[in-house]
Amino acid sequence: MEVKDIFSYDWTYLLPEFIILGFATVLSLLDLFAGKRLGKHAIGLLSLLGIVLAGVFVFVNIQTLDQPYSYMADMIRVDDYGNAFKLLFLGGTAFTILISLSYMQQGEVTHRSEFYYLLLSGLLGAMVMASSADLITMFVGLELLSLSSYVMVGLRKKSLQSNESAFKYVVSGGIATAVTLFGMSYVYGLTGTTNIFEISQRLAEAGMMGFQFIIYMAFAFLAVGLAFKISAAPYHMWAPDVYQGAPTPITAFLAVVSKAAGFALVFRLLLISFLQVPSAEGPFFFTQGSLFIGWMAAASMILGNVMALRQTNVKRMMAYSGIAQAGYLLVPFVPPTTLFFSEVLFYLFGYLLVSFGVFAVIMVVSREQQTEDLKGFAGLYHRSPVMAISMTIFMLSLAGIPITAGFFGKFYLFMGALAQENYWLSAIMIVTSVISYYYYFGIIRQMYMRAGENEAPLSVPKGIWVFIFILAIATVFFGAFPGLVTDYIQATFNPSFDFGNMLPTRTP
């Protein structure tokens, strides 16, 4: 592999990462030297500006980059796959900042500026994860996102619940990191390299030499360790406590951005590294590997939806819902086809719109009612029809009801599973989706059919009102015209995995 001098690279393709890094650094120094003289929203608005600028340069990369561009012996690879996920990360972080501007007025987070540059640090980690082509940079990005998230979860320093959730998150994350590193050590021991494209070739050679059992162990440890980041079984039980204890904007960030970053890493690492490994029944990834992922998907869908039935706290309910969503997102991985990338990306796009809408409504209602329980939504339709109707749209989308973005997201995953003859996984998708109707419609029932203790009109900040209304309209619009997104994804993004003819082709 050709190693270039550091000055011979075209560093403009990494401008999105440099912009986020620069803003995070400058804002931390600005807070240190001029924090008290700044307006209460200045750091937040500047963070939002940095995200917009980074997004502009991601679009520039999409338009100008014809093929993947590698840095530092292929440790970082800028390609369409990474750019697509970066747009999701930037959009999710921008939404987090927008709802946090209102949330910060509650006074629960005393160090507001720290919130924003920690958020940018976590975003940078996610972007590095999406562009990594090497185990080392993957781990650096993973830890940057994780460490930032640990601190942000515990920013409500006077809240015992927040402190407890942050502690649980750190302990669970540390164990997950150890498991992931253990799996990586097996991979490195078998291949002698950390580049995932070289790993793919050398693991195939190791498999032909009789090291299948160790390869299977490495795959299992990596899959279980990375399940923590996407909150999928068997490493999912941290999510309810962390979602409940974290500040609501951070809960939304973990539900969407952190989960999407986990999937970006899972797909790139596992799919590329283990794709060519042989086994007695055929390619390992399409036999034992896909079966392992399939059981993870099934367990996540079943456990997430069943456990959500018992929840009275809305944020805990959304945590279990997120576990189930992770299971749905693993379905096109069993085994993957040429359309798995667009299926997952559309689902994450719809989930982005819905999740931030849901948590924005939860933030408004819980602030006024001083509770996050379901009973806080009682009579919401009579107090704020727009909030109730918007929340209804979000719940219908999560449940997969037609004319919402969530319906077509699940529909594409379901049809993909049927095309691959995964009838057992398709059946679990249908059954668990029906189960989810109970708790999603439970919120709707509270809003329309229960009388609340407080009948006064709900006080909603104008910015949050507009934000929720736009997301509700977008959820319906893209549910009515999903082709606008799917066609753009298929026409614009080429994952550039170098799969050759190994992935089965499926007509959209």
Protein backbone atom coordinates (compact mmCIF):
# COMPACT_ATOMS: atom_id res chain seq x y z
CA MET A 1 0.00 0.00 0.00
CA GLU A 2 1.37 3.39 -0.99
CA VAL A 3 2.09 5.67 1.96
CA LYS A 4 1.90 9.37 1.11
CA ASP A 5 3.54 12.33 2.74
CA ILE A 6 1.10 14.15 5.01
CA PHE A 7 1.29 17.30 2.87
CA SER A 8 0.44 15.44 -0.34
CA TYR A 9 -3.15 14.66 0.72
CA ASP A 10 -6.12 16.72 -0.34
CA TRP A 11 -7.43 17.56 3.13
CA THR A 12 -10.50 19.40 1.84
CA TYR A 13 -12.50 16.16 1.95
CA LEU A 14 -12.11 16.16 5.74
CA LEU A 15 -13.36 19.74 6.14
CA PRO A 16 -16.62 18.59 7.85
CA GLU A 17 -14.61 16.90 10.61
CA PHE A 18 -12.16 19.80 10.87
CA ILE A 19 -15.03 22.29 11.17
CA ILE A 20 -16.67 20.33 14.01
CA LEU A 21 -13.32 19.91 15.75
CA GLY A 22 -12.51 23.60 15.32
CA PHE A 23 -15.87 24.76 16.64
CA ALA A 24 -15.68 22.42 19.63
CA THR A 25 -12.21 23.71 20.49
CA VAL A 26 -12.98 27.39 19.94
CA LEU A 27 -16.26 27.23 21.86
CA SER A 28 -14.59 25.56 24.84
CA LEU A 29 -11.97 28.35 24.92
CA LEU A 30 -14.63 30.99 24.41
CA ASP A 31 -16.58 29.61 27.34
CA LEU A 32 -13.43 29.55 29.47
CA PHE A 33 -12.44 33.17 28.86
CA ALA A 34 -15.74 34.90 28.12
CA GLY A 35 -18.41 32.55 29.39
CA LYS A 36 -20.24 34.95 31.72
CA ARG A 37 -20.24 37.78 29.18
CA LEU A 38 -21.89 35.69 26.48
CA GLY A 39 -25.64 35.45 25.94
CA LYS A 40 -27.31 32.36 27.34
CA HIS A 41 -27.87 30.92 23.85
CA ALA A 42 -24.67 32.16 22.17
CA ILE A 43 -22.71 28.91 22.46
CA GLY A 44 -25.71 26.90 21.27
CA LEU A 45 -26.28 29.09 18.23
CA LEU A 46 -22.58 29.02 17.33
CA SER A 47 -22.64 25.22 17.63
CA LEU A 48 -25.58 25.15 15.26
CA LEU A 49 -23.65 27.35 12.83
CA GLY A 50 -20.74 24.90 12.89
CA ILE A 51 -23.07 22.00 12.12
CA VAL A 52 -24.61 23.86 9.19
CA LEU A 53 -21.17 24.65 7.75
CA ALA A 54 -20.07 21.04 8.16
CA GLY A 55 -23.25 19.90 6.42
CA VAL A 56 -22.55 22.20 3.48
CA PHE A 57 -19.13 20.62 2.97
CA VAL A 58 -20.58 17.11 3.26
CA PHE A 59 -22.87 17.98 0.36
CA VAL A 60 -19.86 19.38 -1.52
CA ASN A 61 -18.05 16.06 -0.98
CA ILE A 62 -21.08 14.16 -2.26
CA GLN A 63 -21.10 16.21 -5.45
CA THR A 64 -17.35 16.23 -6.11
CA LEU A 65 -16.14 12.83 -4.87
CA ASP A 66 -16.24 10.23 -7.65
CA GLN A 67 -14.51 7.45 -5.72
CA PRO A 68 -13.40 6.82 -2.12
CA TYR A 69 -10.50 8.96 -0.94
CA SER A 70 -8.20 7.48 1.69
CA TYR A 71 -5.95 9.09 4.28
CA MET A 72 -3.02 7.73 6.29
CA ALA A 73 -2.67 4.26 4.77
CA ASP A 74 -6.46 3.87 4.44
CA MET A 75 -7.19 4.53 8.12
CA ILE A 76 -9.80 7.13 7.16
CA ARG A 77 -11.86 6.64 4.01
CA VAL A 78 -14.17 9.40 2.74
CA ASP A 79 -16.86 7.77 0.62
CA ASP A 80 -20.59 7.85 -0.08
CA TYR A 81 -21.29 5.41 2.73
CA GLY A 82 -19.74 7.71 5.33
CA ASN A 83 -21.21 10.86 3.80
CA ALA A 84 -24.74 9.45 3.96
CA PHE A 85 -24.41 8.66 7.65
CA LYS A 86 -22.75 12.00 8.33
CA LEU A 87 -25.85 13.79 7.04
CA LEU A 88 -27.93 11.82 9.55
CA PHE A 89 -25.50 12.66 12.37
CA LEU A 90 -25.43 16.36 11.53
CA GLY A 91 -29.20 16.53 11.19
CA GLY A 92 -29.73 14.72 14.47
CA THR A 93 -27.25 16.90 16.34
CA ALA A 94 -28.80 20.06 14.89
CA PHE A 95 -32.22 18.88 16.10
CA THR A 96 -30.69 18.17 19.53
CA ILE A 97 -29.42 21.74 19.74
CA LEU A 98 -32.76 23.19 18.62
CA ILE A 99 -34.73 21.47 21.38
CA SER A 100 -31.97 22.06 23.93
CA LEU A 101 -32.24 25.85 23.55
CA SER A 102 -35.67 25.59 25.17
CA TYR A 103 -34.67 22.83 27.60
CA MET A 104 -31.78 24.86 29.03
CA GLN A 105 -34.23 27.48 30.32
CA GLN A 106 -35.43 24.99 32.94
CA GLY A 107 -32.15 25.39 34.82
CA GLU A 108 -31.55 21.66 35.35
CA VAL A 109 -28.21 21.84 33.51
CA THR A 110 -26.03 24.42 35.23
CA HIS A 111 -23.07 24.26 32.83
CA ARG A 112 -24.83 25.00 29.55
CA SER A 113 -21.75 25.64 27.46
CA GLU A 114 -20.25 22.27 28.34
CA PHE A 115 -23.37 20.66 26.96
CA TYR A 116 -22.79 22.09 23.49
CA TYR A 117 -19.11 21.42 22.96
CA LEU A 118 -19.48 17.94 24.43
CA LEU A 119 -22.27 17.43 21.90
CA LEU A 120 -19.90 18.50 19.11
CA SER A 121 -17.25 16.13 20.44
CA GLY A 122 -19.71 13.26 20.36
CA LEU A 123 -20.72 14.25 16.83
CA LEU A 124 -17.07 14.23 15.76
CA GLY A 125 -16.67 10.72 17.17
CA ALA A 126 -19.70 9.54 15.20
CA MET A 127 -18.32 11.07 11.98
CA VAL A 128 -14.96 9.37 12.52
CA MET A 129 -16.75 6.05 13.05
CA ALA A 130 -18.61 6.44 9.75
CA SER A 131 -15.40 7.13 7.79
CA SER A 132 -13.07 4.65 9.48
CA ALA A 133 -11.53 1.84 7.50
CA ASP A 134 -9.21 0.71 10.30
CA LEU A 135 -9.81 -0.84 13.72
CA ILE A 136 -7.75 1.85 15.43
CA THR A 137 -9.65 4.84 14.06
CA MET A 138 -12.92 2.98 14.57
CA PHE A 139 -12.12 2.52 18.24
CA VAL A 140 -10.97 6.14 18.63
CA GLY A 141 -14.24 7.40 17.14
CA LEU A 142 -16.28 4.98 19.23
CA GLU A 143 -14.63 6.09 22.45
CA LEU A 144 -14.88 9.79 21.60
CA LEU A 145 -18.63 9.40 21.12
CA SER A 146 -18.96 7.19 24.19
CA LEU A 147 -16.96 9.37 26.59
CA SER A 148 -18.82 12.49 25.51
CA SER A 149 -22.14 10.67 25.97
CA TYR A 150 -21.19 9.47 29.47
CA VAL A 151 -20.64 13.06 30.61
CA MET A 152 -23.73 14.48 28.88
CA VAL A 153 -26.00 11.87 30.50
CA GLY A 154 -24.87 13.08 33.94
CA LEU A 155 -25.08 16.83 33.29
CA ARG A 156 -28.08 17.20 35.62
CA LYS A 157 -25.68 17.15 38.54
CA LYS A 158 -28.32 17.82 41.19
CA SER A 159 -30.48 14.93 40.02
CA LEU A 160 -29.84 11.62 41.76
CA GLN A 161 -31.53 9.81 38.88
CA SER A 162 -29.19 11.44 36.36
CA ASN A 163 -26.13 10.58 38.43
CA GLU A 164 -27.26 6.98 38.75
CA SER A 165 -27.92 6.63 35.04
CA ALA A 166 -24.53 8.14 34.17
CA PHE A 167 -22.79 5.67 36.49
CA LYS A 168 -24.66 2.72 34.98
CA TYR A 169 -23.85 3.99 31.50
CA VAL A 170 -20.13 4.23 32.26
CA VAL A 171 -19.97 0.75 33.79
CA SER A 172 -21.99 -0.85 30.99
CA GLY A 173 -20.00 1.03 28.37
CA GLY A 174 -16.72 -0.06 29.91
CA ILE A 175 -17.75 -3.71 29.79
CA ALA A 176 -18.95 -3.32 26.19
CA THR A 177 -15.64 -1.71 25.25
CA ALA A 178 -13.72 -4.59 26.80
CA VAL A 179 -15.81 -7.14 24.90
CA THR A 180 -15.32 -5.23 21.63
CA LEU A 181 -11.56 -4.98 22.14
CA PHE A 182 -11.42 -8.69 22.95
CA GLY A 183 -13.06 -9.44 19.61
CA MET A 184 -10.69 -7.04 17.83
CA SER A 185 -7.71 -8.78 19.46
CA TYR A 186 -8.79 -12.08 17.93
CA VAL A 187 -9.10 -10.43 14.52
CA TYR A 188 -5.68 -8.79 14.78
CA GLY A 189 -4.11 -12.01 16.03
CA LEU A 190 -5.42 -13.91 13.02
CA THR A 191 -4.60 -11.28 10.40
CA GLY A 192 -1.73 -9.14 11.69
CA THR A 193 -3.38 -5.98 10.36
CA THR A 194 -5.95 -3.44 11.50
CA ASN A 195 -7.17 -2.37 8.05
CA ILE A 196 -10.61 -3.88 7.52
CA PHE A 197 -10.15 -4.48 3.78
CA GLU A 198 -6.93 -6.37 4.40
CA ILE A 199 -8.63 -8.15 7.30
CA SER A 200 -11.31 -9.37 4.90
CA GLN A 201 -8.73 -11.10 2.70
CA ARG A 202 -6.62 -12.49 5.52
CA LEU A 203 -9.61 -13.79 7.51
CA ALA A 204 -10.65 -15.70 4.41
CA GLU A 205 -7.17 -17.23 4.28
CA ALA A 206 -7.30 -18.02 8.00
CA GLY A 207 -10.66 -19.70 7.50
CA MET A 208 -9.28 -21.93 4.76
CA MET A 209 -6.39 -22.86 7.10
CA GLY A 210 -8.77 -24.23 9.72
CA PHE A 211 -9.19 -21.30 12.13
CA GLN A 212 -12.98 -21.12 11.71
CA PHE A 213 -13.75 -21.49 15.42
CA ILE A 214 -11.59 -18.51 16.40
CA ILE A 215 -13.13 -16.46 13.59
CA TYR A 216 -16.60 -17.34 14.89
CA MET A 217 -15.55 -16.26 18.39
CA ALA A 218 -14.21 -12.95 17.08
CA PHE A 219 -17.45 -12.29 15.21
CA ALA A 220 -19.56 -13.10 18.28
CA PHE A 221 -17.55 -10.84 20.60
CA LEU A 222 -17.59 -7.95 18.13
CA ALA A 223 -21.33 -8.30 17.51
CA VAL A 224 -22.15 -8.44 21.23
CA GLY A 225 -19.85 -5.52 22.07
CA LEU A 226 -21.25 -3.33 19.31
CA ALA A 227 -24.81 -4.28 20.32
CA PHE A 228 -24.29 -1.90 23.25
CA LYS A 229 -24.01 1.12 20.97
CA ILE A 230 -27.19 0.26 19.04
CA SER A 231 -29.02 -0.89 22.21
CA ALA A 232 -29.77 -4.32 20.76
CA ALA A 233 -30.00 -7.63 22.60
CA PRO A 234 -28.09 -9.07 24.37
CA TYR A 235 -26.55 -5.74 25.50
CA HIS A 236 -29.66 -3.60 25.78
CA MET A 237 -30.61 -3.29 29.44
CA TRP A 238 -28.65 -0.07 30.02
CA ALA A 239 -31.00 1.88 27.76
CA PRO A 240 -34.13 2.33 29.98
CA ASP A 241 -32.23 3.75 32.97
CA VAL A 242 -30.03 5.99 30.81
CA TYR A 243 -32.92 7.29 28.70
CA GLN A 244 -34.91 8.09 31.83
CA GLY A 245 -32.10 9.81 33.73
CA ALA A 246 -30.48 11.79 30.92
CA PRO A 247 -31.59 15.31 29.94
CA THR A 248 -34.32 14.91 27.32
CA PRO A 249 -32.28 16.39 24.40
CA ILE A 250 -29.48 13.93 25.19
CA THR A 251 -31.98 11.09 25.31
CA ALA A 252 -33.01 12.03 21.77
CA PHE A 253 -29.34 12.25 20.74
CA LEU A 254 -28.65 8.76 22.09
CA ALA A 255 -31.81 7.36 20.50
CA VAL A 256 -30.93 8.59 17.01
CA VAL A 257 -27.36 9.82 16.49
CA SER A 258 -25.60 7.35 18.75
CA LYS A 259 -27.69 4.46 17.42
CA ALA A 260 -27.07 5.48 13.79
CA ALA A 261 -23.33 5.72 14.50
CA GLY A 262 -23.43 2.23 15.95
CA PHE A 263 -25.10 0.88 12.84
CA ALA A 264 -22.58 2.67 10.62
CA LEU A 265 -19.81 0.89 12.50
CA VAL A 266 -21.56 -2.48 12.62
CA PHE A 267 -22.23 -2.56 8.90
CA ARG A 268 -18.78 -1.41 7.83
CA LEU A 269 -16.79 -3.56 10.28
CA LEU A 270 -18.71 -6.82 10.33
CA LEU A 271 -19.90 -6.82 6.74
CA ILE A 272 -16.55 -6.08 5.16
CA SER A 273 -14.28 -8.00 7.54
CA PHE A 274 -16.20 -11.28 7.57
CA LEU A 275 -17.77 -11.26 4.10
CA GLN A 276 -15.26 -13.62 2.45
CA VAL A 277 -14.73 -16.08 5.32
CA PRO A 278 -15.56 -19.62 4.11
CA SER A 279 -17.45 -22.30 6.03
CA ALA A 280 -18.70 -25.81 5.36
CA GLU A 281 -22.20 -24.57 4.43
CA GLY A 282 -20.98 -21.68 2.25
CA PRO A 283 -19.72 -18.13 2.96
CA PHE A 284 -19.69 -17.67 6.74
CA PHE A 285 -21.44 -14.31 6.69
CA PHE A 286 -24.42 -15.66 4.75
CA THR A 287 -24.81 -18.71 6.96
CA GLN A 288 -23.68 -18.69 10.60
CA GLY A 289 -22.98 -14.94 10.75
CA SER A 290 -26.38 -13.93 9.42
CA LEU A 291 -28.09 -16.47 11.68
CA PHE A 292 -26.34 -14.93 14.72
CA ILE A 293 -27.44 -11.43 13.68
CA GLY A 294 -30.92 -12.78 13.01
CA TRP A 295 -31.26 -14.10 16.55
CA MET A 296 -30.06 -10.73 17.86
CA ALA A 297 -32.70 -9.00 15.75
CA ALA A 298 -35.45 -11.37 16.91
CA ALA A 299 -34.48 -11.06 20.58
CA SER A 300 -34.38 -7.25 20.32
CA MET A 301 -37.81 -7.05 18.68
CA ILE A 302 -39.41 -9.42 21.17
CA LEU A 303 -37.79 -8.12 24.36
CA GLY A 304 -38.14 -4.45 23.41
CA ASN A 305 -41.84 -4.60 22.57
CA VAL A 306 -42.86 -6.94 25.37
CA MET A 307 -41.01 -4.99 28.07
CA ALA A 308 -42.45 -1.70 26.78
CA LEU A 309 -45.94 -2.97 27.62
CA ARG A 310 -45.26 -2.66 31.35
CA GLN A 311 -43.82 0.86 31.35
CA THR A 312 -45.58 3.89 32.78
CA ASN A 313 -42.65 6.28 32.32
CA VAL A 314 -42.72 7.58 28.74
CA LYS A 315 -38.93 7.86 28.37
CA ARG A 316 -38.44 4.29 29.57
CA MET A 317 -41.12 3.20 27.14
CA MET A 318 -39.26 4.95 24.32
CA ALA A 319 -36.07 3.20 25.43
CA TYR A 320 -37.67 -0.21 25.00
CA SER A 321 -39.17 1.00 21.75
CA GLY A 322 -35.64 1.92 20.65
CA ILE A 323 -34.45 -1.60 21.48
CA ALA A 324 -37.19 -2.97 19.23
CA GLN A 325 -36.26 -0.48 16.49
CA ALA A 326 -32.68 -1.75 16.63
CA GLY A 327 -34.03 -5.24 16.02
CA TYR A 328 -35.97 -4.06 12.97
CA LEU A 329 -32.86 -2.35 11.61
CA LEU A 330 -30.86 -5.58 11.88
CA VAL A 331 -33.35 -7.47 9.67
CA PRO A 332 -31.87 -6.39 6.27
CA PHE A 333 -28.54 -7.67 7.58
CA VAL A 334 -29.82 -11.28 7.52
CA PRO A 335 -28.29 -11.67 4.97
CA PRO A 336 -27.68 -8.33 3.21
CA THR A 337 -28.64 -7.62 -0.38
CA THR A 338 -27.59 -4.82 -2.69
CA LEU A 339 -30.51 -2.73 -1.37
CA PHE A 340 -29.82 -3.12 2.35
CA PHE A 341 -28.04 0.26 2.48
CA SER A 342 -30.97 2.26 1.10
CA GLU A 343 -33.45 0.33 3.29
CA VAL A 344 -31.53 1.10 6.47
CA LEU A 345 -30.87 4.71 5.51
CA PHE A 346 -34.55 5.40 4.78
CA TYR A 347 -35.58 3.79 8.07
CA LEU A 348 -33.06 5.88 10.01
CA PHE A 349 -34.23 9.02 8.23
CA GLY A 350 -37.85 8.38 9.24
CA TYR A 351 -36.75 7.44 12.76
CA LEU A 352 -34.82 10.72 12.98
CA LEU A 353 -37.93 12.77 12.25
CA VAL A 354 -40.19 10.82 14.58
CA SER A 355 -37.87 10.42 17.57
CA PHE A 356 -36.99 14.10 17.88
CA GLY A 357 -40.66 14.98 17.51
CA VAL A 358 -41.61 12.55 20.27
CA PHE A 359 -38.94 13.74 22.69
CA ALA A 360 -39.75 17.38 21.99
CA VAL A 361 -43.38 16.73 22.97
CA ILE A 362 -42.25 14.77 26.03
CA MET A 363 -40.02 17.68 27.04
CA VAL A 364 -42.88 20.19 26.82
CA VAL A 365 -45.43 18.02 28.62
CA SER A 366 -43.10 16.82 31.38
CA ARG A 367 -41.92 20.37 32.07
CA GLU A 368 -45.46 21.58 32.66
CA GLN A 369 -46.82 18.47 34.41
CA GLN A 370 -43.63 17.86 36.42
CA THR A 371 -43.83 14.18 35.57
CA GLU A 372 -42.69 11.88 32.77
CA ASP A 373 -45.45 9.35 33.44
CA LEU A 374 -48.16 8.50 30.94
CA LYS A 375 -50.73 10.28 33.07
CA GLY A 376 -49.05 13.57 32.15
CA PHE A 377 -50.49 13.20 28.64
CA ALA A 378 -54.07 12.88 29.89
CA GLY A 379 -56.36 15.37 28.14
CA LEU A 380 -53.56 16.81 26.01
CA TYR A 381 -55.86 17.16 22.98
CA HIS A 382 -58.10 19.57 24.87
CA ARG A 383 -55.18 21.64 26.10
CA SER A 384 -53.08 21.70 22.88
CA PRO A 385 -54.64 20.09 19.80
CA VAL A 386 -51.53 20.65 17.66
CA MET A 387 -49.29 18.89 20.18
CA ALA A 388 -51.72 15.99 20.49
CA ILE A 389 -52.19 15.56 16.75
CA SER A 390 -48.43 15.77 16.16
CA MET A 391 -47.78 13.20 18.88
CA THR A 392 -50.42 10.97 17.30
CA ILE A 393 -48.64 11.16 13.95
CA PHE A 394 -45.34 10.23 15.61
CA MET A 395 -46.89 7.28 17.43
CA LEU A 396 -48.56 6.03 14.25
CA SER A 397 -45.23 6.25 12.44
CA LEU A 398 -43.42 4.27 15.13
CA ALA A 399 -46.20 1.69 15.01
CA GLY A 400 -45.85 1.43 11.23
CA ILE A 401 -49.31 2.68 10.25
CA PRO A 402 -49.72 3.68 6.55
CA ILE A 403 -49.21 7.22 5.26
CA THR A 404 -46.32 7.78 7.62
CA ALA A 405 -42.58 7.49 7.02
CA GLY A 406 -42.40 4.70 9.61
CA PHE A 407 -44.81 2.53 7.61
CA PHE A 408 -42.64 2.51 4.49
CA GLY A 409 -39.52 2.07 6.59
CA LYS A 410 -40.90 -1.16 8.04
CA PHE A 411 -42.47 -2.14 4.73
CA TYR A 412 -39.11 -2.03 2.92
CA LEU A 413 -37.44 -4.07 5.66
CA PHE A 414 -40.29 -6.59 5.66
CA MET A 415 -40.28 -7.04 1.88
CA GLY A 416 -36.50 -7.42 1.95
CA ALA A 417 -36.81 -10.21 4.52
CA LEU A 418 -39.46 -11.95 2.41
CA ALA A 419 -37.27 -11.66 -0.68
CA GLN A 420 -34.49 -13.43 1.22
CA GLU A 421 -36.99 -16.08 2.39
CA ASN A 422 -36.52 -15.12 6.03
CA TYR A 423 -40.09 -16.11 6.83
CA TRP A 424 -39.46 -16.62 10.55
CA LEU A 425 -37.95 -13.14 10.91
CA SER A 426 -40.78 -11.63 8.84
CA ALA A 427 -43.32 -13.30 11.12
CA ILE A 428 -41.60 -11.90 14.21
CA MET A 429 -41.65 -8.42 12.64
CA ILE A 430 -45.41 -8.64 12.12
CA VAL A 431 -46.22 -10.07 15.56
CA THR A 432 -44.02 -7.63 17.46
CA SER A 433 -45.34 -4.67 15.45
CA VAL A 434 -48.87 -5.67 16.46
CA ILE A 435 -47.74 -5.91 20.09
CA SER A 436 -46.30 -2.40 19.87
CA TYR A 437 -49.75 -1.01 19.00
CA TYR A 438 -50.79 -1.47 22.61
CA TYR A 439 -48.28 0.90 24.18
CA TYR A 440 -48.13 3.36 21.27
CA PHE A 441 -51.91 3.65 21.25
CA GLY A 442 -51.81 3.86 25.05
CA ILE A 443 -50.34 7.35 24.72
CA ILE A 444 -52.98 8.27 22.13
CA ARG A 445 -55.68 6.99 24.45
CA GLN A 446 -54.40 9.21 27.25
CA MET A 447 -54.39 12.30 25.02
CA TYR A 448 -57.94 11.90 23.68
CA MET A 449 -59.90 9.71 26.12
CA ARG A 450 -58.63 10.66 29.56
CA ALA A 451 -59.34 13.82 31.49
CA GLY A 452 -56.30 15.58 32.86
CA GLU A 453 -56.03 17.22 36.26
CA ASN A 454 -55.04 20.51 34.64
CA GLU A 455 -57.41 21.79 31.94
CA ALA A 456 -55.51 25.03 31.25
CA PRO A 457 -54.02 25.44 27.75
CA LEU A 458 -50.56 23.95 27.40
CA SER A 459 -47.79 26.53 27.29
CA VAL A 460 -45.54 25.68 24.35
CA PRO A 461 -42.52 27.84 23.35
CA LYS A 462 -43.00 29.13 19.81
CA GLY A 463 -39.75 27.65 18.56
CA ILE A 464 -40.61 24.19 19.88
CA TRP A 465 -44.17 24.52 18.52
CA VAL A 466 -42.83 25.20 15.01
CA PHE A 467 -40.21 22.45 15.33
CA ILE A 468 -42.76 19.78 16.30
CA PHE A 469 -45.25 20.93 13.67
CA ILE A 470 -42.65 20.75 10.88
CA LEU A 471 -41.51 17.27 11.93
CA ALA A 472 -45.12 16.05 12.00
CA ILE A 473 -45.75 17.42 8.51
CA ALA A 474 -42.48 15.91 7.26
CA THR A 475 -43.42 12.51 8.71
CA VAL A 476 -46.68 12.50 6.76
CA PHE A 477 -45.14 14.00 3.62
CA PHE A 478 -42.37 11.43 3.32
CA GLY A 479 -44.87 8.72 4.19
CA ALA A 480 -46.94 9.82 1.22
CA PHE A 481 -43.91 10.28 -1.09
CA PRO A 482 -41.20 7.89 0.15
CA GLY A 483 -39.72 7.70 -3.34
CA LEU A 484 -38.30 11.19 -2.93
CA VAL A 485 -35.89 9.83 -0.32
CA THR A 486 -35.27 6.35 -1.67
CA ASP A 487 -34.66 7.57 -5.21
CA TYR A 488 -32.23 10.21 -3.94
CA ILE A 489 -30.36 7.62 -1.87
CA GLN A 490 -30.08 5.15 -4.74
CA ALA A 491 -29.11 7.84 -7.26
CA THR A 492 -26.63 9.67 -5.05
CA PHE A 493 -24.98 7.18 -2.73
CA ASN A 494 -22.88 4.20 -3.68
CA PRO A 495 -21.72 2.41 -0.52
CA SER A 496 -18.39 1.49 -2.23
CA PHE A 497 -17.92 -1.69 -0.23
CA ASP A 498 -16.19 -3.53 -3.10
CA PHE A 499 -18.52 -6.49 -2.63
CA GLY A 500 -18.11 -7.74 -6.17
CA ASN A 501 -20.76 -10.34 -6.93
CA MET A 502 -21.08 -11.69 -3.40
CA LEU A 503 -24.21 -9.76 -2.40
CA PRO A 504 -27.42 -11.02 -3.99
CA THR A 505 -29.15 -8.50 -6.23
CA ARG A 506 -32.75 -7.54 -5.47
CA THR A 507 -34.95 -5.32 -7.60
CA PRO A 508 -36.42 -2.34 -5.67
